Amino acid sequence: MAVKESHWGEDGRLHMSSGMTSPEDAPSPAGSVHYDRVAVALHWLIAVFLIGQISLGWYLGSVPRGTPARSLFVNFHKSTGLTLALLILIRLYWRLTHPPPPLPPFLPSWERKAARWNHLALYGCMLIMPLSGYIASNFSKYGVKLFNIVSLPPWGVDDPTLYALFNGTHIVTSYAFVTLIVLHIAAAVRHAVQRDGILQRILPTTRSRV
């Protein structure tokens, strides 16, 4: 059967080659330079959700308190945040049980370290943001009304000090997260301009591993 194989060339770029091979001779997932299909799907699904979630969170600052519209948007923000938290946990599990493909050998040491720390910080923010927001909601009298349908009564007391602490953590983390996302996108654009194959590893249009 005809398959397309990808490999890092001596010029430091990702090359595709095609040929006739049997299933037994096909490249193994462990040797692939692409993320698997589940990782790619989770990456882009969470990315779209996060952009919408952060935008909605910042928009809430312009909605007057005590109005029906604010209650509607706040509960929707909380509900999508809990949904995102579930997706993030699934993604983290998949990442731990399905190691990502190795970075190409031509990448300098500083860039490898920067990529590693950026990813660790991104995962940290993705965990801290929904967790701090959820905890903050449980130290207010409102709790969470899941998608404005199902009420989840708060398990904590109505404590303005604790609410401010966790809500402040939620907000500060959002700004740090946006900064990390901008750096992440800037690095992706740089690799796209250089056409070195790094960005192709996570694009859904490339031949991803099963």
N, C-alpha and C. Protein backbone atom coordinates (compact mmCIF):
# COMPACT_ATOMS: atom_id res chain seq x y z
N MET A 1 0.83 -1.18 0.00
CA MET A 1 0.00 0.00 0.00
C MET A 1 0.87 1.23 0.00
N ALA A 2 0.41 2.30 -0.60
CA ALA A 2 1.18 3.53 -0.69
C ALA A 2 0.98 4.36 0.56
N VAL A 3 2.10 4.75 1.15
CA VAL A 3 2.02 5.60 2.33
C VAL A 3 2.99 6.75 2.18
N LYS A 4 2.73 7.82 2.92
CA LYS A 4 3.65 8.94 2.96
C LYS A 4 4.42 8.87 4.26
N GLU A 5 5.73 8.94 4.15
CA GLU A 5 6.57 8.92 5.32
C GLU A 5 7.19 10.29 5.51
N SER A 6 7.39 10.68 6.76
CA SER A 6 8.01 11.97 7.05
C SER A 6 9.29 11.74 7.83
N HIS A 7 10.30 12.58 7.57
CA HIS A 7 11.56 12.46 8.27
C HIS A 7 12.27 13.80 8.25
N TRP A 8 13.17 13.99 9.19
CA TRP A 8 13.96 15.22 9.22
C TRP A 8 15.13 15.06 8.28
N GLY A 9 15.28 15.97 7.34
CA GLY A 9 16.36 15.92 6.39
C GLY A 9 17.62 16.59 6.92
N GLU A 10 18.72 16.45 6.17
CA GLU A 10 19.98 17.06 6.57
C GLU A 10 19.91 18.59 6.54
N ASP A 11 18.93 19.12 5.78
CA ASP A 11 18.78 20.57 5.71
C ASP A 11 17.98 21.11 6.89
N GLY A 12 17.57 20.21 7.81
CA GLY A 12 16.84 20.66 8.99
C GLY A 12 15.37 20.87 8.75
N ARG A 13 14.83 20.36 7.64
CA ARG A 13 13.42 20.52 7.35
C ARG A 13 12.72 19.17 7.29
N LEU A 14 11.41 19.23 7.43
CA LEU A 14 10.61 18.01 7.39
C LEU A 14 10.34 17.65 5.95
N HIS A 15 10.65 16.43 5.58
CA HIS A 15 10.46 15.96 4.20
C HIS A 15 9.44 14.83 4.17
N MET A 16 8.65 14.81 3.11
CA MET A 16 7.66 13.76 2.91
C MET A 16 8.09 12.94 1.71
N SER A 17 7.99 11.63 1.84
CA SER A 17 8.29 10.74 0.73
C SER A 17 7.21 9.69 0.63
N SER A 18 6.95 9.23 -0.54
CA SER A 18 5.90 8.23 -0.73
C SER A 18 6.49 7.00 -1.40
N GLY A 19 5.87 5.89 -1.15
CA GLY A 19 6.35 4.66 -1.75
C GLY A 19 5.41 3.53 -1.45
N MET A 20 5.68 2.36 -2.05
CA MET A 20 4.85 1.19 -1.82
C MET A 20 5.45 0.40 -0.66
N THR A 21 4.62 0.11 0.30
CA THR A 21 5.10 -0.67 1.44
C THR A 21 3.95 -1.47 2.01
N SER A 22 4.26 -2.47 2.77
CA SER A 22 3.24 -3.29 3.41
C SER A 22 2.97 -2.73 4.79
N PRO A 23 1.85 -3.11 5.41
CA PRO A 23 1.56 -2.62 6.76
C PRO A 23 2.68 -2.95 7.74
N GLU A 24 3.36 -4.11 7.52
CA GLU A 24 4.42 -4.49 8.44
C GLU A 24 5.61 -3.56 8.32
N ASP A 25 5.79 -2.96 7.10
CA ASP A 25 6.94 -2.09 6.87
C ASP A 25 6.62 -0.64 7.15
N ALA A 26 5.37 -0.31 7.49
CA ALA A 26 4.99 1.08 7.73
C ALA A 26 5.70 1.60 8.96
N PRO A 27 5.99 2.93 9.00
CA PRO A 27 6.70 3.48 10.15
C PRO A 27 5.89 3.33 11.42
N SER A 28 6.55 3.01 12.50
CA SER A 28 5.87 2.83 13.78
C SER A 28 5.54 4.18 14.39
N PRO A 29 4.48 4.24 15.24
CA PRO A 29 4.14 5.49 15.90
C PRO A 29 5.29 6.07 16.69
N ALA A 30 6.10 5.20 17.31
CA ALA A 30 7.20 5.69 18.14
C ALA A 30 8.21 6.47 17.32
N GLY A 31 8.30 6.18 16.00
CA GLY A 31 9.27 6.86 15.17
C GLY A 31 8.70 8.03 14.41
N SER A 32 7.46 8.37 14.64
CA SER A 32 6.82 9.44 13.90
C SER A 32 7.27 10.80 14.41
N VAL A 33 7.22 11.80 13.52
CA VAL A 33 7.55 13.16 13.92
C VAL A 33 6.29 13.97 14.16
N HIS A 34 5.13 13.35 14.03
CA HIS A 34 3.86 14.03 14.24
C HIS A 34 3.18 13.58 15.54
N TYR A 35 2.39 14.48 16.10
CA TYR A 35 1.54 14.11 17.23
C TYR A 35 0.44 13.17 16.74
N ASP A 36 -0.07 12.33 17.62
CA ASP A 36 -1.13 11.42 17.20
C ASP A 36 -2.44 12.20 17.03
N ARG A 37 -3.42 11.55 16.42
CA ARG A 37 -4.66 12.24 16.05
C ARG A 37 -5.44 12.74 17.26
N VAL A 38 -5.45 11.97 18.34
CA VAL A 38 -6.17 12.39 19.54
C VAL A 38 -5.53 13.64 20.12
N ALA A 39 -4.19 13.66 20.19
CA ALA A 39 -3.47 14.82 20.73
C ALA A 39 -3.73 16.06 19.88
N VAL A 40 -3.74 15.89 18.56
CA VAL A 40 -4.00 17.01 17.65
C VAL A 40 -5.42 17.55 17.85
N ALA A 41 -6.39 16.63 17.92
CA ALA A 41 -7.78 17.04 18.10
C ALA A 41 -7.98 17.77 19.43
N LEU A 42 -7.40 17.24 20.50
CA LEU A 42 -7.53 17.87 21.81
C LEU A 42 -6.85 19.23 21.84
N HIS A 43 -5.70 19.33 21.19
CA HIS A 43 -4.96 20.61 21.15
C HIS A 43 -5.81 21.72 20.55
N TRP A 44 -6.38 21.46 19.38
CA TRP A 44 -7.11 22.51 18.68
C TRP A 44 -8.49 22.75 19.28
N LEU A 45 -9.12 21.71 19.80
CA LEU A 45 -10.42 21.87 20.45
C LEU A 45 -10.27 22.74 21.71
N ILE A 46 -9.28 22.44 22.52
CA ILE A 46 -9.05 23.21 23.75
C ILE A 46 -8.61 24.62 23.41
N ALA A 47 -7.80 24.78 22.36
CA ALA A 47 -7.35 26.12 21.97
C ALA A 47 -8.54 27.03 21.63
N VAL A 48 -9.48 26.50 20.85
CA VAL A 48 -10.67 27.29 20.47
C VAL A 48 -11.50 27.63 21.70
N PHE A 49 -11.70 26.63 22.57
CA PHE A 49 -12.48 26.85 23.79
C PHE A 49 -11.82 27.88 24.69
N LEU A 50 -10.50 27.81 24.82
CA LEU A 50 -9.78 28.72 25.70
C LEU A 50 -9.87 30.16 25.22
N ILE A 51 -9.73 30.37 23.92
CA ILE A 51 -9.84 31.72 23.38
C ILE A 51 -11.22 32.31 23.68
N GLY A 52 -12.25 31.49 23.46
CA GLY A 52 -13.61 31.94 23.76
C GLY A 52 -13.82 32.18 25.25
N GLN A 53 -13.26 31.30 26.08
CA GLN A 53 -13.43 31.40 27.52
C GLN A 53 -12.74 32.65 28.08
N ILE A 54 -11.52 32.90 27.66
CA ILE A 54 -10.79 34.08 28.14
C ILE A 54 -11.46 35.36 27.65
N SER A 55 -11.91 35.36 26.41
CA SER A 55 -12.59 36.54 25.86
C SER A 55 -13.87 36.83 26.64
N LEU A 56 -14.62 35.78 26.95
CA LEU A 56 -15.86 35.95 27.72
C LEU A 56 -15.55 36.44 29.13
N GLY A 57 -14.49 35.91 29.73
CA GLY A 57 -14.11 36.33 31.07
C GLY A 57 -13.78 37.82 31.13
N TRP A 58 -13.06 38.29 30.13
CA TRP A 58 -12.72 39.71 30.10
C TRP A 58 -13.95 40.56 29.77
N TYR A 59 -14.84 40.03 28.94
CA TYR A 59 -16.06 40.75 28.59
C TYR A 59 -16.94 40.96 29.83
N LEU A 60 -16.89 40.02 30.76
CA LEU A 60 -17.72 40.12 31.96
C LEU A 60 -17.42 41.39 32.76
N GLY A 61 -16.21 41.90 32.61
CA GLY A 61 -15.85 43.12 33.33
C GLY A 61 -16.67 44.32 32.91
N SER A 62 -17.27 44.24 31.71
CA SER A 62 -18.06 45.37 31.21
C SER A 62 -19.56 45.19 31.45
N VAL A 63 -19.94 44.02 31.98
CA VAL A 63 -21.36 43.76 32.24
C VAL A 63 -21.70 44.22 33.66
N PRO A 64 -22.66 45.11 33.84
CA PRO A 64 -22.99 45.64 35.18
C PRO A 64 -23.40 44.52 36.15
N ARG A 65 -22.92 44.65 37.38
CA ARG A 65 -23.27 43.68 38.41
C ARG A 65 -24.74 43.83 38.81
N GLY A 66 -25.34 42.72 39.21
CA GLY A 66 -26.73 42.74 39.65
C GLY A 66 -27.75 42.73 38.54
N THR A 67 -27.30 42.55 37.29
CA THR A 67 -28.22 42.51 36.16
C THR A 67 -28.44 41.07 35.71
N PRO A 68 -29.59 40.77 35.10
CA PRO A 68 -29.84 39.41 34.60
C PRO A 68 -28.80 38.95 33.59
N ALA A 69 -28.31 39.90 32.78
CA ALA A 69 -27.32 39.54 31.76
C ALA A 69 -26.03 39.05 32.40
N ARG A 70 -25.62 39.70 33.49
CA ARG A 70 -24.37 39.28 34.14
C ARG A 70 -24.52 37.88 34.73
N SER A 71 -25.64 37.62 35.37
CA SER A 71 -25.88 36.29 35.94
C SER A 71 -25.84 35.22 34.85
N LEU A 72 -26.44 35.54 33.71
CA LEU A 72 -26.46 34.60 32.59
C LEU A 72 -25.06 34.30 32.09
N PHE A 73 -24.27 35.36 31.84
CA PHE A 73 -22.93 35.19 31.29
C PHE A 73 -21.97 34.57 32.30
N VAL A 74 -22.10 34.97 33.58
CA VAL A 74 -21.21 34.43 34.60
C VAL A 74 -21.40 32.92 34.74
N ASN A 75 -22.64 32.47 34.79
CA ASN A 75 -22.90 31.04 34.92
C ASN A 75 -22.47 30.27 33.67
N PHE A 76 -22.60 30.89 32.51
CA PHE A 76 -22.13 30.24 31.28
C PHE A 76 -20.62 30.13 31.32
N HIS A 77 -19.95 31.19 31.80
CA HIS A 77 -18.49 31.19 31.91
C HIS A 77 -18.02 30.10 32.87
N LYS A 78 -18.70 29.97 34.00
CA LYS A 78 -18.36 28.93 34.97
C LYS A 78 -18.58 27.53 34.39
N SER A 79 -19.68 27.38 33.66
CA SER A 79 -20.03 26.07 33.10
C SER A 79 -19.05 25.63 32.03
N THR A 80 -18.70 26.54 31.13
CA THR A 80 -17.72 26.20 30.10
C THR A 80 -16.35 25.99 30.71
N GLY A 81 -16.07 26.69 31.83
CA GLY A 81 -14.81 26.50 32.52
C GLY A 81 -14.69 25.09 33.08
N LEU A 82 -15.77 24.58 33.66
CA LEU A 82 -15.76 23.21 34.18
C LEU A 82 -15.63 22.19 33.05
N THR A 83 -16.29 22.48 31.93
CA THR A 83 -16.17 21.60 30.76
C THR A 83 -14.74 21.58 30.24
N LEU A 84 -14.13 22.77 30.19
CA LEU A 84 -12.75 22.88 29.76
C LEU A 84 -11.81 22.13 30.70
N ALA A 85 -12.10 22.23 31.99
CA ALA A 85 -11.26 21.54 32.97
C ALA A 85 -11.25 20.03 32.71
N LEU A 86 -12.40 19.49 32.37
CA LEU A 86 -12.49 18.06 32.05
C LEU A 86 -11.66 17.73 30.81
N LEU A 87 -11.77 18.56 29.77
CA LEU A 87 -11.00 18.34 28.55
C LEU A 87 -9.50 18.44 28.82
N ILE A 88 -9.12 19.39 29.68
CA ILE A 88 -7.71 19.57 30.02
C ILE A 88 -7.16 18.36 30.77
N LEU A 89 -7.95 17.81 31.67
CA LEU A 89 -7.53 16.61 32.39
C LEU A 89 -7.36 15.42 31.44
N ILE A 90 -8.28 15.32 30.47
CA ILE A 90 -8.17 14.26 29.46
C ILE A 90 -6.89 14.46 28.64
N ARG A 91 -6.64 15.71 28.27
CA ARG A 91 -5.44 16.01 27.49
C ARG A 91 -4.17 15.71 28.29
N LEU A 92 -4.17 16.07 29.57
CA LEU A 92 -3.01 15.82 30.41
C LEU A 92 -2.77 14.32 30.55
N TYR A 93 -3.85 13.56 30.74
CA TYR A 93 -3.73 12.10 30.82
C TYR A 93 -3.15 11.54 29.52
N TRP A 94 -3.66 12.03 28.39
CA TRP A 94 -3.18 11.54 27.10
C TRP A 94 -1.72 11.88 26.89
N ARG A 95 -1.34 13.07 27.33
CA ARG A 95 0.06 13.49 27.18
C ARG A 95 1.00 12.60 28.00
N LEU A 96 0.56 12.25 29.22
CA LEU A 96 1.39 11.44 30.10
C LEU A 96 1.48 9.98 29.63
N THR A 97 0.41 9.50 29.01
CA THR A 97 0.39 8.10 28.57
C THR A 97 0.80 7.93 27.10
N HIS A 98 0.86 9.02 26.37
CA HIS A 98 1.28 8.97 24.96
C HIS A 98 2.33 10.07 24.74
N PRO A 99 3.59 9.77 25.00
CA PRO A 99 4.66 10.78 24.88
C PRO A 99 4.66 11.45 23.51
N PRO A 100 4.89 12.76 23.47
CA PRO A 100 4.91 13.47 22.19
C PRO A 100 6.13 13.06 21.36
N PRO A 101 6.08 13.30 20.07
CA PRO A 101 7.24 12.96 19.23
C PRO A 101 8.44 13.80 19.63
N PRO A 102 9.64 13.26 19.48
CA PRO A 102 10.84 14.01 19.87
C PRO A 102 11.05 15.23 18.98
N LEU A 103 11.66 16.25 19.56
CA LEU A 103 11.99 17.43 18.77
C LEU A 103 13.10 17.09 17.79
N PRO A 104 13.17 17.76 16.65
CA PRO A 104 14.20 17.45 15.65
C PRO A 104 15.60 17.73 16.19
N PRO A 105 16.58 17.00 15.72
CA PRO A 105 17.95 17.13 16.23
C PRO A 105 18.59 18.49 15.97
N PHE A 106 18.11 19.22 14.96
CA PHE A 106 18.74 20.50 14.62
C PHE A 106 18.36 21.63 15.57
N LEU A 107 17.35 21.41 16.44
CA LEU A 107 16.88 22.46 17.32
C LEU A 107 17.92 22.73 18.41
N PRO A 108 18.33 23.99 18.60
CA PRO A 108 19.34 24.30 19.63
C PRO A 108 18.83 24.04 21.04
N SER A 109 19.77 23.89 21.96
CA SER A 109 19.44 23.55 23.34
C SER A 109 18.53 24.58 24.00
N TRP A 110 18.80 25.87 23.77
CA TRP A 110 18.00 26.93 24.42
C TRP A 110 16.55 26.88 23.95
N GLU A 111 16.35 26.52 22.68
CA GLU A 111 15.00 26.46 22.13
C GLU A 111 14.24 25.24 22.69
N ARG A 112 14.95 24.16 22.90
CA ARG A 112 14.34 22.97 23.52
C ARG A 112 13.88 23.29 24.94
N LYS A 113 14.75 23.97 25.69
CA LYS A 113 14.41 24.33 27.07
C LYS A 113 13.25 25.31 27.11
N ALA A 114 13.26 26.29 26.18
CA ALA A 114 12.18 27.28 26.13
C ALA A 114 10.84 26.60 25.82
N ALA A 115 10.86 25.67 24.88
CA ALA A 115 9.64 24.95 24.52
C ALA A 115 9.12 24.14 25.69
N ARG A 116 10.04 23.49 26.41
CA ARG A 116 9.64 22.66 27.55
C ARG A 116 9.01 23.51 28.65
N TRP A 117 9.68 24.61 29.01
CA TRP A 117 9.16 25.46 30.08
C TRP A 117 7.87 26.16 29.69
N ASN A 118 7.75 26.52 28.41
CA ASN A 118 6.52 27.15 27.94
C ASN A 118 5.35 26.18 28.04
N HIS A 119 5.58 24.93 27.65
CA HIS A 119 4.52 23.93 27.73
C HIS A 119 4.14 23.63 29.19
N LEU A 120 5.15 23.53 30.06
CA LEU A 120 4.87 23.28 31.47
C LEU A 120 4.06 24.42 32.08
N ALA A 121 4.43 25.66 31.72
CA ALA A 121 3.71 26.83 32.24
C ALA A 121 2.29 26.88 31.69
N LEU A 122 2.11 26.53 30.42
CA LEU A 122 0.78 26.51 29.82
C LEU A 122 -0.12 25.50 30.53
N TYR A 123 0.42 24.31 30.78
CA TYR A 123 -0.37 23.29 31.48
C TYR A 123 -0.68 23.74 32.90
N GLY A 124 0.29 24.40 33.54
CA GLY A 124 0.05 24.91 34.89
C GLY A 124 -1.10 25.91 34.91
N CYS A 125 -1.10 26.83 33.97
CA CYS A 125 -2.18 27.83 33.89
C CYS A 125 -3.52 27.17 33.56
N MET A 126 -3.48 26.16 32.68
CA MET A 126 -4.72 25.49 32.31
C MET A 126 -5.35 24.74 33.48
N LEU A 127 -4.52 24.36 34.46
CA LEU A 127 -5.04 23.69 35.64
C LEU A 127 -5.44 24.69 36.73
N ILE A 128 -4.62 25.73 36.90
CA ILE A 128 -4.88 26.71 37.97
C ILE A 128 -6.12 27.55 37.67
N MET A 129 -6.30 27.95 36.42
CA MET A 129 -7.41 28.84 36.09
C MET A 129 -8.78 28.24 36.43
N PRO A 130 -9.13 27.07 35.91
CA PRO A 130 -10.46 26.53 36.24
C PRO A 130 -10.60 26.15 37.70
N LEU A 131 -9.49 25.66 38.30
CA LEU A 131 -9.55 25.24 39.70
C LEU A 131 -9.79 26.45 40.62
N SER A 132 -9.04 27.53 40.41
CA SER A 132 -9.21 28.72 41.25
C SER A 132 -10.58 29.36 41.03
N GLY A 133 -11.06 29.35 39.78
CA GLY A 133 -12.39 29.90 39.50
C GLY A 133 -13.49 29.09 40.17
N TYR A 134 -13.35 27.77 40.13
CA TYR A 134 -14.36 26.91 40.75
C TYR A 134 -14.37 27.08 42.26
N ILE A 135 -13.17 27.12 42.86
CA ILE A 135 -13.09 27.29 44.32
C ILE A 135 -13.67 28.64 44.72
N ALA A 136 -13.35 29.69 43.96
CA ALA A 136 -13.87 31.02 44.27
C ALA A 136 -15.40 31.02 44.27
N SER A 137 -15.98 30.33 43.29
CA SER A 137 -17.44 30.28 43.19
C SER A 137 -18.07 29.63 44.42
N ASN A 138 -17.34 28.73 45.06
CA ASN A 138 -17.88 28.03 46.21
C ASN A 138 -17.68 28.78 47.53
N PHE A 139 -17.00 29.92 47.45
CA PHE A 139 -16.91 30.80 48.62
C PHE A 139 -17.74 32.06 48.40
N SER A 140 -18.77 31.93 47.57
CA SER A 140 -19.77 32.99 47.39
C SER A 140 -21.15 32.35 47.55
N LYS A 141 -22.14 33.16 47.73
CA LYS A 141 -23.49 32.62 47.95
C LYS A 141 -24.14 32.12 46.67
N TYR A 142 -23.49 32.40 45.52
CA TYR A 142 -24.11 32.06 44.24
C TYR A 142 -23.81 30.65 43.76
N GLY A 143 -22.61 30.16 44.05
CA GLY A 143 -22.25 28.83 43.58
C GLY A 143 -22.18 28.78 42.06
N VAL A 144 -22.58 27.65 41.51
CA VAL A 144 -22.56 27.47 40.06
C VAL A 144 -23.91 26.96 39.59
N LYS A 145 -24.43 27.58 38.54
CA LYS A 145 -25.64 27.09 37.91
C LYS A 145 -25.24 26.59 36.53
N LEU A 146 -25.08 25.27 36.44
CA LEU A 146 -24.51 24.65 35.25
C LEU A 146 -25.35 24.94 34.02
N PHE A 147 -24.74 25.71 33.10
CA PHE A 147 -25.39 26.13 31.86
C PHE A 147 -26.78 26.74 32.12
N ASN A 148 -26.86 27.43 33.28
CA ASN A 148 -28.08 28.14 33.68
C ASN A 148 -29.30 27.21 33.81
N ILE A 149 -29.01 25.92 34.06
CA ILE A 149 -30.09 24.93 34.19
C ILE A 149 -30.01 24.20 35.53
N VAL A 150 -28.85 23.60 35.80
CA VAL A 150 -28.68 22.77 36.99
C VAL A 150 -27.89 23.54 38.05
N SER A 151 -28.48 23.73 39.22
CA SER A 151 -27.81 24.45 40.31
C SER A 151 -26.88 23.53 41.08
N LEU A 152 -25.65 23.99 41.28
CA LEU A 152 -24.67 23.27 42.10
C LEU A 152 -24.42 24.15 43.33
N PRO A 153 -25.10 23.87 44.43
CA PRO A 153 -24.96 24.71 45.63
C PRO A 153 -23.51 24.78 46.10
N PRO A 154 -23.08 25.92 46.60
CA PRO A 154 -21.70 26.03 47.08
C PRO A 154 -21.44 25.14 48.29
N TRP A 155 -20.25 24.49 48.29
CA TRP A 155 -19.90 23.64 49.44
C TRP A 155 -19.12 24.43 50.49
N GLY A 156 -18.76 25.70 50.17
CA GLY A 156 -18.05 26.54 51.12
C GLY A 156 -18.98 27.59 51.71
N VAL A 157 -18.42 28.40 52.59
CA VAL A 157 -19.20 29.47 53.20
C VAL A 157 -19.08 30.73 52.36
N ASP A 158 -20.01 31.64 52.54
CA ASP A 158 -19.96 32.92 51.83
C ASP A 158 -18.92 33.80 52.50
N ASP A 159 -17.68 33.74 51.99
CA ASP A 159 -16.56 34.44 52.60
C ASP A 159 -15.91 35.36 51.56
N PRO A 160 -16.14 36.67 51.64
CA PRO A 160 -15.59 37.63 50.67
C PRO A 160 -14.07 37.58 50.58
N THR A 161 -13.40 37.33 51.72
CA THR A 161 -11.94 37.32 51.72
C THR A 161 -11.40 36.13 50.92
N LEU A 162 -11.94 34.94 51.17
CA LEU A 162 -11.50 33.76 50.43
C LEU A 162 -11.89 33.86 48.96
N TYR A 163 -13.09 34.41 48.72
CA TYR A 163 -13.53 34.60 47.33
C TYR A 163 -12.55 35.50 46.59
N ALA A 164 -12.18 36.61 47.22
CA ALA A 164 -11.26 37.56 46.59
C ALA A 164 -9.90 36.92 46.33
N LEU A 165 -9.45 36.08 47.27
CA LEU A 165 -8.16 35.41 47.11
C LEU A 165 -8.15 34.51 45.88
N PHE A 166 -9.13 33.62 45.79
CA PHE A 166 -9.16 32.68 44.68
C PHE A 166 -9.57 33.33 43.36
N ASN A 167 -10.47 34.31 43.42
CA ASN A 167 -10.86 35.01 42.20
C ASN A 167 -9.69 35.85 41.68
N GLY A 168 -8.92 36.45 42.61
CA GLY A 168 -7.74 37.19 42.20
C GLY A 168 -6.71 36.29 41.54
N THR A 169 -6.53 35.10 42.10
CA THR A 169 -5.63 34.11 41.50
C THR A 169 -6.09 33.75 40.09
N HIS A 170 -7.40 33.60 39.95
CA HIS A 170 -8.00 33.28 38.65
C HIS A 170 -7.70 34.37 37.62
N ILE A 171 -7.86 35.61 38.03
CA ILE A 171 -7.66 36.74 37.11
C ILE A 171 -6.18 36.92 36.75
N VAL A 172 -5.31 36.89 37.78
CA VAL A 172 -3.87 37.05 37.54
C VAL A 172 -3.35 35.94 36.62
N THR A 173 -3.82 34.72 36.87
CA THR A 173 -3.40 33.59 36.03
C THR A 173 -3.84 33.78 34.59
N SER A 174 -5.00 34.39 34.39
CA SER A 174 -5.49 34.60 33.02
C SER A 174 -4.55 35.52 32.24
N TYR A 175 -4.01 36.55 32.91
CA TYR A 175 -3.08 37.45 32.23
C TYR A 175 -1.75 36.75 31.93
N ALA A 176 -1.28 35.96 32.90
CA ALA A 176 -0.05 35.19 32.66
C ALA A 176 -0.27 34.20 31.53
N PHE A 177 -1.45 33.60 31.50
CA PHE A 177 -1.77 32.61 30.48
C PHE A 177 -1.80 33.24 29.09
N VAL A 178 -2.40 34.41 28.99
CA VAL A 178 -2.45 35.09 27.69
C VAL A 178 -1.04 35.43 27.22
N THR A 179 -0.17 35.85 28.15
CA THR A 179 1.22 36.14 27.79
C THR A 179 1.92 34.91 27.23
N LEU A 180 1.70 33.78 27.89
CA LEU A 180 2.30 32.52 27.43
C LEU A 180 1.74 32.10 26.07
N ILE A 181 0.44 32.32 25.87
CA ILE A 181 -0.18 31.97 24.59
C ILE A 181 0.42 32.82 23.46
N VAL A 182 0.62 34.11 23.73
CA VAL A 182 1.22 35.00 22.73
C VAL A 182 2.62 34.51 22.36
N LEU A 183 3.41 34.14 23.37
CA LEU A 183 4.75 33.60 23.11
C LEU A 183 4.67 32.30 22.32
N HIS A 184 3.71 31.46 22.66
CA HIS A 184 3.51 30.18 21.98
C HIS A 184 3.16 30.41 20.50
N ILE A 185 2.25 31.35 20.25
CA ILE A 185 1.85 31.66 18.87
C ILE A 185 3.02 32.29 18.10
N ALA A 186 3.77 33.18 18.77
CA ALA A 186 4.91 33.82 18.12
C ALA A 186 5.94 32.77 17.68
N ALA A 187 6.17 31.79 18.55
CA ALA A 187 7.10 30.71 18.19
C ALA A 187 6.57 29.89 17.03
N ALA A 188 5.25 29.64 17.01
CA ALA A 188 4.64 28.88 15.92
C ALA A 188 4.77 29.62 14.60
N VAL A 189 4.55 30.94 14.63
CA VAL A 189 4.67 31.76 13.42
C VAL A 189 6.12 31.74 12.93
N ARG A 190 7.05 31.84 13.85
CA ARG A 190 8.47 31.80 13.49
C ARG A 190 8.81 30.50 12.78
N HIS A 191 8.34 29.38 13.33
CA HIS A 191 8.62 28.08 12.70
C HIS A 191 7.90 27.95 11.35
N ALA A 192 6.72 28.56 11.24
CA ALA A 192 5.99 28.52 9.96
C ALA A 192 6.76 29.29 8.90
N VAL A 193 7.32 30.44 9.27
CA VAL A 193 8.10 31.25 8.33
C VAL A 193 9.37 30.52 7.93
N GLN A 194 10.00 29.88 8.90
CA GLN A 194 11.24 29.14 8.62
C GLN A 194 10.98 27.84 7.85
N ARG A 195 9.73 27.37 7.91
CA ARG A 195 9.35 26.14 7.22
C ARG A 195 10.26 24.98 7.62
N ASP A 196 10.45 24.86 8.94
CA ASP A 196 11.34 23.81 9.44
C ASP A 196 10.61 22.55 9.87
N GLY A 197 9.25 22.53 9.72
CA GLY A 197 8.49 21.33 10.02
C GLY A 197 7.98 21.23 11.44
N ILE A 198 8.38 22.16 12.32
CA ILE A 198 7.95 22.09 13.72
C ILE A 198 6.44 22.28 13.82
N LEU A 199 5.91 23.29 13.14
CA LEU A 199 4.47 23.56 13.20
C LEU A 199 3.67 22.41 12.61
N GLN A 200 4.20 21.76 11.61
CA GLN A 200 3.49 20.66 10.95
C GLN A 200 3.20 19.50 11.90
N ARG A 201 3.98 19.38 12.96
CA ARG A 201 3.80 18.28 13.90
C ARG A 201 2.42 18.27 14.55
N ILE A 202 1.81 19.45 14.69
CA ILE A 202 0.55 19.56 15.41
C ILE A 202 -0.62 19.98 14.50
N LEU A 203 -0.36 20.20 13.23
CA LEU A 203 -1.43 20.60 12.31
C LEU A 203 -2.32 19.41 11.97
N PRO A 204 -3.65 19.60 11.96
CA PRO A 204 -4.55 18.48 11.64
C PRO A 204 -4.50 18.06 10.18
N THR A 205 -3.88 18.87 9.31
CA THR A 205 -3.82 18.53 7.90
C THR A 205 -2.66 17.61 7.57
N THR A 206 -1.73 17.45 8.50
CA THR A 206 -0.59 16.57 8.25
C THR A 206 -0.95 15.14 8.61
N ARG A 207 -0.10 14.23 8.24
CA ARG A 207 -0.35 12.81 8.52
C ARG A 207 0.00 12.53 9.98
N SER A 208 -1.01 12.54 10.82
CA SER A 208 -0.78 12.31 12.24
C SER A 208 -0.83 10.82 12.54
N ARG A 209 -0.21 10.50 13.68
CA ARG A 209 -0.25 9.10 14.12
C ARG A 209 -1.63 8.73 14.59
N VAL A 210 -1.97 7.46 14.49
CA VAL A 210 -3.27 6.96 14.95
C VAL A 210 -3.23 6.86 16.47
